[in-house]
Amino acid sequence: MDNEPSEVVFAITSSPTESGVVFRYGQRSVKVPAPRKRGRPTGSTKRKRADTNSDSLKRKGHELFEFINLGSNSTGIDCDTRKTIRKRVMFHHTHHDQKRKGVSIEDEKQSIRTKRVLSSEVIPPQFGRVDPFNMLSIEFEPYMHDLLSLYITTIWETLYSIEKRSGCNPMVNYWLPLAFNDPALLHGLMGCAASFVMTTNWPRGYPLFARHLNEAIAIVNQRMANLTDSAADETLVVVASIAMMKKMLGFHDEWNVHMQGLKTLVDLRGGLDSLNHKPLIQSKIYRQVSI
């Protein structure tokens, strides 16, 4: 037992009554684990950086500033001092730069708000129109663009199936440029497009069909009073188109009236042979006769 390892623990304070305590180990010494150290691993430099930053923060206010002598008796500045000076200068520079950016953004927002507030007198009346410069023969509205687009992309394939085989679109290549300079023909083309819309959507197509058809007939009646304009190419095409629409909708009596008027106009031109050099107009009239 005497050879067993043992430890004697004495109190720090001296007392005559208390003696040391003896701890004996029968088998072997007990390994008591040391307390675990918390924090960063050994060799980390972040603690040192944090300590240096904390030390710099603990410095007094007057120690945070460095005085630079730019006179003849200038003294040398070490690296740490230069680093402190640059850090201080860049801090103020960044802070003031952010202030300037904030002011400029507010000024820009204010200018945008000012530009948005526009009076009705500044906006021209033709703004937003399909034909803002009044280059067409009639006042063009947005729905008219849809009708013409339907005509030149879909309806023409039904009317010109033979020309379609050859890759020719008479609506785009001939009729539409001619109609842009003639109000009666333009109304006639849109009335024809509206008649096709009527077959699928009567409530939407009929008002447009009636409007443009009546406008075209009114213009043709005015031209009939003047013999020089009554037999123009555009007038012949308009009357032939109106007759075709009447026939397609089943108004046979009205179709007969328009065909009589078309015959009168063709006779004023000298007969169908006078249109041999204009095959599209001639074929359009022949199509009405064959109907």
Foldseek 3Di string as FASTA:
>chain_A
DVPFDKDWADDPDDDPVDDIDIGTDPPDDDDDDDDDDDDDDPPDCVVVVVVVVVVVVPDDPVVLDDDFDPDPPGDDDDPVNVVSVVVVVVVVVVVVVVVVVVVVVVVVVVVVVVVVPDDPVVDDPLPPAPCSPPQFPDRDHPVLVVLLVCCQPPVQCVVCVPVVVVVDRCVVVPQVVVCRHPVLSSLLSSLLSLLVVCVVPVVVSVVSNVVSLVVNVVVQVVQVVPLVRNLDLSNLLSLLSSLVSCVVVPVVVVSVVSLVVSVVSCVSCPHLVSCPVPVVSSVSNVVSVVD
